[in-house]
Amino acid sequence: MVNLTLAVPKEMKSEMDEFPEINWSEVARQAIAQKLRDLQLLKKMSSKSKLTEAEAIELGRKVNKALVKRYLGTG
């Protein structure tokens, strides 16, 4: 295993210190692993897509507007 140095704001470190029983290295490993899984899935999905980048952006905007309208009743 290799080491990775991570910088966090002082305020965050102070909050982390309130929970000394937590293995923060493991929390970071799990978060990184999840992000990598998400990115691999997106990469796989996009490799099969026939949408152009502009079409994908437009579709994303439409989805966002629909979600705002559905969950917040606005939009």
PDB file of N, CA and C in Angstrom:
ATOM      1  N   MET A   1       0.849  -1.175   0.000  1.00  0.00           N
ATOM      2  CA  MET A   1       0.000   0.000   0.000  1.00  0.00           C
ATOM      3  C   MET A   1       0.892   1.234   0.000  1.00  0.00           C
ATOM      4  N   VAL A   2       0.444   2.268  -0.705  1.00  0.00           N
ATOM      5  CA  VAL A   2       1.188   3.533  -0.735  1.00  0.00           C
ATOM      6  C   VAL A   2       0.529   4.530   0.206  1.00  0.00           C
ATOM      7  N   ASN A   3       1.281   5.546   0.592  1.00  0.00           N
ATOM      8  CA  ASN A   3       0.753   6.599   1.455  1.00  0.00           C
ATOM      9  C   ASN A   3       0.306   7.777   0.627  1.00  0.00           C
ATOM     10  N   LEU A   4      -0.746   8.433   1.092  1.00  0.00           N
ATOM     11  CA  LEU A   4      -1.283   9.627   0.465  1.00  0.00           C
ATOM     12  C   LEU A   4      -1.461  10.661   1.564  1.00  0.00           C
ATOM     13  N   THR A   5      -0.936  11.846   1.361  1.00  0.00           N
ATOM     14  CA  THR A   5      -1.096  12.916   2.336  1.00  0.00           C
ATOM     15  C   THR A   5      -2.292  13.759   1.927  1.00  0.00           C
ATOM     16  N   LEU A   6      -3.143  14.048   2.885  1.00  0.00           N
ATOM     17  CA  LEU A   6      -4.370  14.784   2.625  1.00  0.00           C
ATOM     18  C   LEU A   6      -4.404  16.014   3.521  1.00  0.00           C
ATOM     19  N   ALA A   7      -4.656  17.164   2.943  1.00  0.00           N
ATOM     20  CA  ALA A   7      -4.771  18.403   3.720  1.00  0.00           C
ATOM     21  C   ALA A   7      -6.247  18.720   3.919  1.00  0.00           C
ATOM     22  N   VAL A   8      -6.598  19.064   5.155  1.00  0.00           N
ATOM     23  CA  VAL A   8      -7.967  19.477   5.473  1.00  0.00           C
ATOM     24  C   VAL A   8      -7.899  20.796   6.237  1.00  0.00           C
ATOM     25  N   PRO A   9      -8.959  21.590   6.160  1.00  0.00           N
ATOM     26  CA  PRO A   9      -8.982  22.842   6.911  1.00  0.00           C
ATOM     27  C   PRO A   9      -8.900  22.574   8.422  1.00  0.00           C
ATOM     28  N   LYS A  10      -8.361  23.542   9.151  1.00  0.00           N
ATOM     29  CA  LYS A  10      -8.219  23.395  10.607  1.00  0.00           C
ATOM     30  C   LYS A  10      -9.557  23.102  11.279  1.00  0.00           C
ATOM     31  N   GLU A  11     -10.602  23.769  10.813  1.00  0.00           N
ATOM     32  CA  GLU A  11     -11.917  23.568  11.414  1.00  0.00           C
ATOM     33  C   GLU A  11     -12.368  22.117  11.263  1.00  0.00           C
ATOM     34  N   MET A  12     -12.128  21.550  10.085  1.00  0.00           N
ATOM     35  CA  MET A  12     -12.512  20.161   9.848  1.00  0.00           C
ATOM     36  C   MET A  12     -11.712  19.224  10.751  1.00  0.00           C
ATOM     37  N   LYS A  13     -10.426  19.490  10.877  1.00  0.00           N
ATOM     38  CA  LYS A  13      -9.574  18.659  11.737  1.00  0.00           C
ATOM     39  C   LYS A  13     -10.054  18.725  13.176  1.00  0.00           C
ATOM     40  N   SER A  14     -10.453  19.897  13.632  1.00  0.00           N
ATOM     41  CA  SER A  14     -10.976  20.037  14.990  1.00  0.00           C
ATOM     42  C   SER A  14     -12.230  19.191  15.182  1.00  0.00           C
ATOM     43  N   GLU A  15     -13.102  19.197  14.191  1.00  0.00           N
ATOM     44  CA  GLU A  15     -14.306  18.376  14.263  1.00  0.00           C
ATOM     45  C   GLU A  15     -13.962  16.890  14.241  1.00  0.00           C
ATOM     46  N   MET A  16     -13.007  16.521  13.415  1.00  0.00           N
ATOM     47  CA  MET A  16     -12.578  15.118  13.351  1.00  0.00           C
ATOM     48  C   MET A  16     -12.023  14.663  14.696  1.00  0.00           C
ATOM     49  N   ASP A  17     -11.309  15.555  15.367  1.00  0.00           N
ATOM     50  CA  ASP A  17     -10.715  15.225  16.662  1.00  0.00           C
ATOM     51  C   ASP A  17     -11.770  14.929  17.730  1.00  0.00           C
ATOM     52  N   GLU A  18     -13.002  15.371  17.500  1.00  0.00           N
ATOM     53  CA  GLU A  18     -14.090  15.088  18.431  1.00  0.00           C
ATOM     54  C   GLU A  18     -14.511  13.619  18.380  1.00  0.00           C
ATOM     55  N   PHE A  19     -14.051  12.902  17.355  1.00  0.00           N
ATOM     56  CA  PHE A  19     -14.414  11.501  17.167  1.00  0.00           C
ATOM     57  C   PHE A  19     -13.155  10.656  16.983  1.00  0.00           C
ATOM     58  N   PRO A  20     -12.362  10.520  18.054  1.00  0.00           N
ATOM     59  CA  PRO A  20     -11.087   9.800  17.933  1.00  0.00           C
ATOM     60  C   PRO A  20     -11.252   8.307  17.633  1.00  0.00           C
ATOM     61  N   GLU A  21     -12.437   7.775  17.851  1.00  0.00           N
ATOM     62  CA  GLU A  21     -12.666   6.357  17.590  1.00  0.00           C
ATOM     63  C   GLU A  21     -12.819   6.045  16.097  1.00  0.00           C
ATOM     64  N   ILE A  22     -12.977   7.075  15.298  1.00  0.00           N
ATOM     65  CA  ILE A  22     -13.140   6.896  13.852  1.00  0.00           C
ATOM     66  C   ILE A  22     -11.776   6.777  13.179  1.00  0.00           C
ATOM     67  N   ASN A  23     -11.645   5.781  12.321  1.00  0.00           N
ATOM     68  CA  ASN A  23     -10.431   5.608  11.530  1.00  0.00           C
ATOM     69  C   ASN A  23     -10.602   6.471  10.273  1.00  0.00           C
ATOM     70  N   TRP A  24     -10.119   7.696  10.333  1.00  0.00           N
ATOM     71  CA  TRP A  24     -10.329   8.650   9.248  1.00  0.00           C
ATOM     72  C   TRP A  24      -9.634   8.235   7.967  1.00  0.00           C
ATOM     73  N   SER A  25      -8.547   7.487   8.078  1.00  0.00           N
ATOM     74  CA  SER A  25      -7.887   6.978   6.868  1.00  0.00           C
ATOM     75  C   SER A  25      -8.808   6.022   6.134  1.00  0.00           C
ATOM     76  N   GLU A  26      -9.518   5.181   6.889  1.00  0.00           N
ATOM     77  CA  GLU A  26     -10.457   4.243   6.269  1.00  0.00           C
ATOM     78  C   GLU A  26     -11.638   4.972   5.650  1.00  0.00           C
ATOM     79  N   VAL A  27     -12.110   6.009   6.314  1.00  0.00           N
ATOM     80  CA  VAL A  27     -13.197   6.826   5.767  1.00  0.00           C
ATOM     81  C   VAL A  27     -12.769   7.418   4.426  1.00  0.00           C
ATOM     82  N   ALA A  28     -11.554   7.948   4.376  1.00  0.00           N
ATOM     83  CA  ALA A  28     -11.034   8.535   3.131  1.00  0.00           C
ATOM     84  C   ALA A  28     -10.887   7.467   2.058  1.00  0.00           C
ATOM     85  N   ARG A  29     -10.361   6.285   2.426  1.00  0.00           N
ATOM     86  CA  ARG A  29     -10.220   5.190   1.454  1.00  0.00           C
ATOM     87  C   ARG A  29     -11.566   4.805   0.862  1.00  0.00           C
ATOM     88  N   GLN A  30     -12.569   4.686   1.720  1.00  0.00           N
ATOM     89  CA  GLN A  30     -13.900   4.308   1.241  1.00  0.00           C
ATOM     90  C   GLN A  30     -14.501   5.379   0.336  1.00  0.00           C
ATOM     91  N   ALA A  31     -14.301   6.638   0.688  1.00  0.00           N
ATOM     92  CA  ALA A  31     -14.824   7.729  -0.137  1.00  0.00           C
ATOM     93  C   ALA A  31     -14.145   7.750  -1.504  1.00  0.00           C
ATOM     94  N   ILE A  32     -12.848   7.537  -1.517  1.00  0.00           N
ATOM     95  CA  ILE A  32     -12.113   7.509  -2.786  1.00  0.00           C
ATOM     96  C   ILE A  32     -12.554   6.311  -3.621  1.00  0.00           C
ATOM     97  N   ALA A  33     -12.719   5.157  -2.977  1.00  0.00           N
ATOM     98  CA  ALA A  33     -13.156   3.957  -3.688  1.00  0.00           C
ATOM     99  C   ALA A  33     -14.535   4.173  -4.305  1.00  0.00           C
ATOM    100  N   GLN A  34     -15.450   4.800  -3.558  1.00  0.00           N
ATOM    101  CA  GLN A  34     -16.789   5.056  -4.082  1.00  0.00           C
ATOM    102  C   GLN A  34     -16.744   6.020  -5.258  1.00  0.00           C
ATOM    103  N   LYS A  35     -15.943   7.062  -5.149  1.00  0.00           N
ATOM    104  CA  LYS A  35     -15.814   8.026  -6.246  1.00  0.00           C
ATOM    105  C   LYS A  35     -15.272   7.342  -7.496  1.00  0.00           C
ATOM    106  N   LEU A  36     -14.283   6.450  -7.322  1.00  0.00           N
ATOM    107  CA  LEU A  36     -13.735   5.719  -8.464  1.00  0.00           C
ATOM    108  C   LEU A  36     -14.788   4.820  -9.106  1.00  0.00           C
ATOM    109  N   ARG A  37     -15.611   4.155  -8.287  1.00  0.00           N
ATOM    110  CA  ARG A  37     -16.693   3.323  -8.843  1.00  0.00           C
ATOM    111  C   ARG A  37     -17.664   4.179  -9.637  1.00  0.00           C
ATOM    112  N   ASP A  38     -18.022   5.343  -9.094  1.00  0.00           N
ATOM    113  CA  ASP A  38     -18.935   6.252  -9.790  1.00  0.00           C
ATOM    114  C   ASP A  38     -18.346   6.704 -11.127  1.00  0.00           C
ATOM    115  N   LEU A  39     -17.068   7.064 -11.115  1.00  0.00           N
ATOM    116  CA  LEU A  39     -16.423   7.533 -12.346  1.00  0.00           C
ATOM    117  C   LEU A  39     -16.314   6.421 -13.383  1.00  0.00           C
ATOM    118  N   GLN A  40     -16.020   5.201 -12.945  1.00  0.00           N
ATOM    119  CA  GLN A  40     -15.948   4.080 -13.878  1.00  0.00           C
ATOM    120  C   GLN A  40     -17.310   3.815 -14.511  1.00  0.00           C
ATOM    121  N   LEU A  41     -18.369   3.907 -13.710  1.00  0.00           N
ATOM    122  CA  LEU A  41     -19.714   3.719 -14.242  1.00  0.00           C
ATOM    123  C   LEU A  41     -20.044   4.800 -15.264  1.00  0.00           C
ATOM    124  N   LEU A  42     -19.729   6.054 -14.936  1.00  0.00           N
ATOM    125  CA  LEU A  42     -19.974   7.142 -15.883  1.00  0.00           C
ATOM    126  C   LEU A  42     -19.176   6.956 -17.166  1.00  0.00           C
ATOM    127  N   LYS A  43     -17.943   6.519 -17.025  1.00  0.00           N
ATOM    128  CA  LYS A  43     -17.094   6.284 -18.199  1.00  0.00           C
ATOM    129  C   LYS A  43     -17.699   5.187 -19.074  1.00  0.00           C
ATOM    130  N   LYS A  44     -18.174   4.125 -18.450  1.00  0.00           N
ATOM    131  CA  LYS A  44     -18.785   3.018 -19.188  1.00  0.00           C
ATOM    132  C   LYS A  44     -20.054   3.481 -19.895  1.00  0.00           C
ATOM    133  N   MET A  45     -20.873   4.246 -19.168  1.00  0.00           N
ATOM    134  CA  MET A  45     -22.116   4.733 -19.761  1.00  0.00           C
ATOM    135  C   MET A  45     -21.847   5.687 -20.920  1.00  0.00           C
ATOM    136  N   SER A  46     -20.892   6.576 -20.734  1.00  0.00           N
ATOM    137  CA  SER A  46     -20.631   7.572 -21.778  1.00  0.00           C
ATOM    138  C   SER A  46     -19.971   6.962 -23.000  1.00  0.00           C
ATOM    139  N   SER A  47     -19.254   5.868 -22.822  1.00  0.00           N
ATOM    140  CA  SER A  47     -18.600   5.241 -23.968  1.00  0.00           C
ATOM    141  C   SER A  47     -19.620   4.632 -24.925  1.00  0.00           C
ATOM    142  N   LYS A  48     -20.816   4.317 -24.412  1.00  0.00           N
ATOM    143  CA  LYS A  48     -21.865   3.722 -25.239  1.00  0.00           C
ATOM    144  C   LYS A  48     -22.852   4.764 -25.754  1.00  0.00           C
ATOM    145  N   SER A  49     -22.718   5.993 -25.297  1.00  0.00           N
ATOM    146  CA  SER A  49     -23.658   7.042 -25.648  1.00  0.00           C
ATOM    147  C   SER A  49     -23.395   7.577 -27.051  1.00  0.00           C
ATOM    148  N   LYS A  50     -24.477   7.913 -27.729  1.00  0.00           N
ATOM    149  CA  LYS A  50     -24.366   8.526 -29.043  1.00  0.00           C
ATOM    150  C   LYS A  50     -24.651  10.029 -28.971  1.00  0.00           C
ATOM    151  N   LEU A  51     -24.875  10.543 -27.742  1.00  0.00           N
ATOM    152  CA  LEU A  51     -25.129  11.970 -27.570  1.00  0.00           C
ATOM    153  C   LEU A  51     -23.849  12.769 -27.753  1.00  0.00           C
ATOM    154  N   THR A  52     -23.994  13.950 -28.321  1.00  0.00           N
ATOM    155  CA  THR A  52     -22.869  14.875 -28.349  1.00  0.00           C
ATOM    156  C   THR A  52     -22.755  15.508 -26.964  1.00  0.00           C
ATOM    157  N   GLU A  53     -21.647  16.172 -26.708  1.00  0.00           N
ATOM    158  CA  GLU A  53     -21.476  16.829 -25.418  1.00  0.00           C
ATOM    159  C   GLU A  53     -22.555  17.885 -25.205  1.00  0.00           C
ATOM    160  N   ALA A  54     -22.856  18.644 -26.235  1.00  0.00           N
ATOM    161  CA  ALA A  54     -23.886  19.685 -26.128  1.00  0.00           C
ATOM    162  C   ALA A  54     -25.251  19.071 -25.832  1.00  0.00           C
ATOM    163  N   GLU A  55     -25.567  17.955 -26.475  1.00  0.00           N
ATOM    164  CA  GLU A  55     -26.842  17.281 -26.225  1.00  0.00           C
ATOM    165  C   GLU A  55     -26.907  16.749 -24.791  1.00  0.00           C
ATOM    166  N   ALA A  56     -25.803  16.229 -24.304  1.00  0.00           N
ATOM    167  CA  ALA A  56     -25.761  15.702 -22.937  1.00  0.00           C
ATOM    168  C   ALA A  56     -25.958  16.827 -21.927  1.00  0.00           C
ATOM    169  N   ILE A  57     -25.336  17.984 -22.180  1.00  0.00           N
ATOM    170  CA  ILE A  57     -25.496  19.138 -21.288  1.00  0.00           C
ATOM    171  C   ILE A  57     -26.939  19.607 -21.284  1.00  0.00           C
ATOM    172  N   GLU A  58     -27.537  19.697 -22.445  1.00  0.00           N
ATOM    173  CA  GLU A  58     -28.934  20.126 -22.548  1.00  0.00           C
ATOM    174  C   GLU A  58     -29.862  19.140 -21.836  1.00  0.00           C
ATOM    175  N   LEU A  59     -29.634  17.865 -22.020  1.00  0.00           N
ATOM    176  CA  LEU A  59     -30.431  16.846 -21.340  1.00  0.00           C
ATOM    177  C   LEU A  59     -30.276  16.975 -19.825  1.00  0.00           C
ATOM    178  N   GLY A  60     -29.059  17.192 -19.355  1.00  0.00           N
ATOM    179  CA  GLY A  60     -28.812  17.375 -17.931  1.00  0.00           C
ATOM    180  C   GLY A  60     -29.563  18.571 -17.374  1.00  0.00           C
ATOM    181  N   ARG A  61     -29.601  19.648 -18.129  1.00  0.00           N
ATOM    182  CA  ARG A  61     -30.335  20.844 -17.692  1.00  0.00           C
ATOM    183  C   ARG A  61     -31.829  20.562 -17.583  1.00  0.00           C
ATOM    184  N   LYS A  62     -32.351  19.830 -18.551  1.00  0.00           N
ATOM    185  CA  LYS A  62     -33.779  19.493 -18.525  1.00  0.00           C
ATOM    186  C   LYS A  62     -34.100  18.596 -17.331  1.00  0.00           C
ATOM    187  N   VAL A  63     -33.248  17.646 -17.067  1.00  0.00           N
ATOM    188  CA  VAL A  63     -33.449  16.752 -15.922  1.00  0.00           C
ATOM    189  C   VAL A  63     -33.400  17.548 -14.627  1.00  0.00           C
ATOM    190  N   ASN A  64     -32.421  18.435 -14.500  1.00  0.00           N
ATOM    191  CA  ASN A  64     -32.310  19.262 -13.290  1.00  0.00           C
ATOM    192  C   ASN A  64     -33.560  20.102 -13.075  1.00  0.00           C
ATOM    193  N   LYS A  65     -34.059  20.729 -14.137  1.00  0.00           N
ATOM    194  CA  LYS A  65     -35.270  21.539 -14.020  1.00  0.00           C
ATOM    195  C   LYS A  65     -36.453  20.687 -13.590  1.00  0.00           C
ATOM    196  N   ALA A  66     -36.573  19.499 -14.165  1.00  0.00           N
ATOM    197  CA  ALA A  66     -37.678  18.609 -13.811  1.00  0.00           C
ATOM    198  C   ALA A  66     -37.581  18.170 -12.354  1.00  0.00           C
ATOM    199  N   LEU A  67     -36.381  17.913 -11.877  1.00  0.00           N
ATOM    200  CA  LEU A  67     -36.202  17.499 -10.482  1.00  0.00           C
ATOM    201  C   LEU A  67     -36.530  18.639  -9.521  1.00  0.00           C
ATOM    202  N   VAL A  68     -36.116  19.848  -9.862  1.00  0.00           N
ATOM    203  CA  VAL A  68     -36.438  21.007  -9.023  1.00  0.00           C
ATOM    204  C   VAL A  68     -37.947  21.175  -8.958  1.00  0.00           C
ATOM    205  N   LYS A  69     -38.596  21.088 -10.089  1.00  0.00           N
ATOM    206  CA  LYS A  69     -40.048  21.250 -10.133  1.00  0.00           C
ATOM    207  C   LYS A  69     -40.739  20.151  -9.321  1.00  0.00           C
ATOM    208  N   ARG A  70     -40.255  18.927  -9.452  1.00  0.00           N
ATOM    209  CA  ARG A  70     -40.881  17.794  -8.770  1.00  0.00           C
ATOM    210  C   ARG A  70     -40.716  17.885  -7.248  1.00  0.00           C
ATOM    211  N   TYR A  71     -39.504  18.177  -6.796  1.00  0.00           N
ATOM    212  CA  TYR A  71     -39.221  18.127  -5.375  1.00  0.00           C
ATOM    213  C   TYR A  71     -39.398  19.443  -4.642  1.00  0.00           C
ATOM    214  N   LEU A  72     -39.317  20.545  -5.341  1.00  0.00           N
ATOM    215  CA  LEU A  72     -39.443  21.839  -4.679  1.00  0.00           C
ATOM    216  C   LEU A  72     -40.704  22.585  -5.116  1.00  0.00           C
ATOM    217  N   GLY A  73     -41.352  22.076  -6.136  1.00  0.00           N
ATOM    218  CA  GLY A  73     -42.571  22.714  -6.600  1.00  0.00           C
ATOM    219  C   GLY A  73     -42.345  24.038  -7.277  1.00  0.00           C
ATOM    220  N   THR A  74     -41.099  24.258  -7.758  1.00  0.00           N
ATOM    221  CA  THR A  74     -40.783  25.502  -8.454  1.00  0.00           C
ATOM    222  C   THR A  74     -40.108  25.149  -9.773  1.00  0.00           C
ATOM    223  N   GLY A  75     -39.725  26.144 -10.497  1.00  0.00           N
ATOM    224  CA  GLY A  75     -38.930  25.901 -11.688  1.00  0.00           C
ATOM    225  C   GLY A  75     -39.601  26.390 -12.891  1.00  0.00           C
TER     226      GLY A  75
END
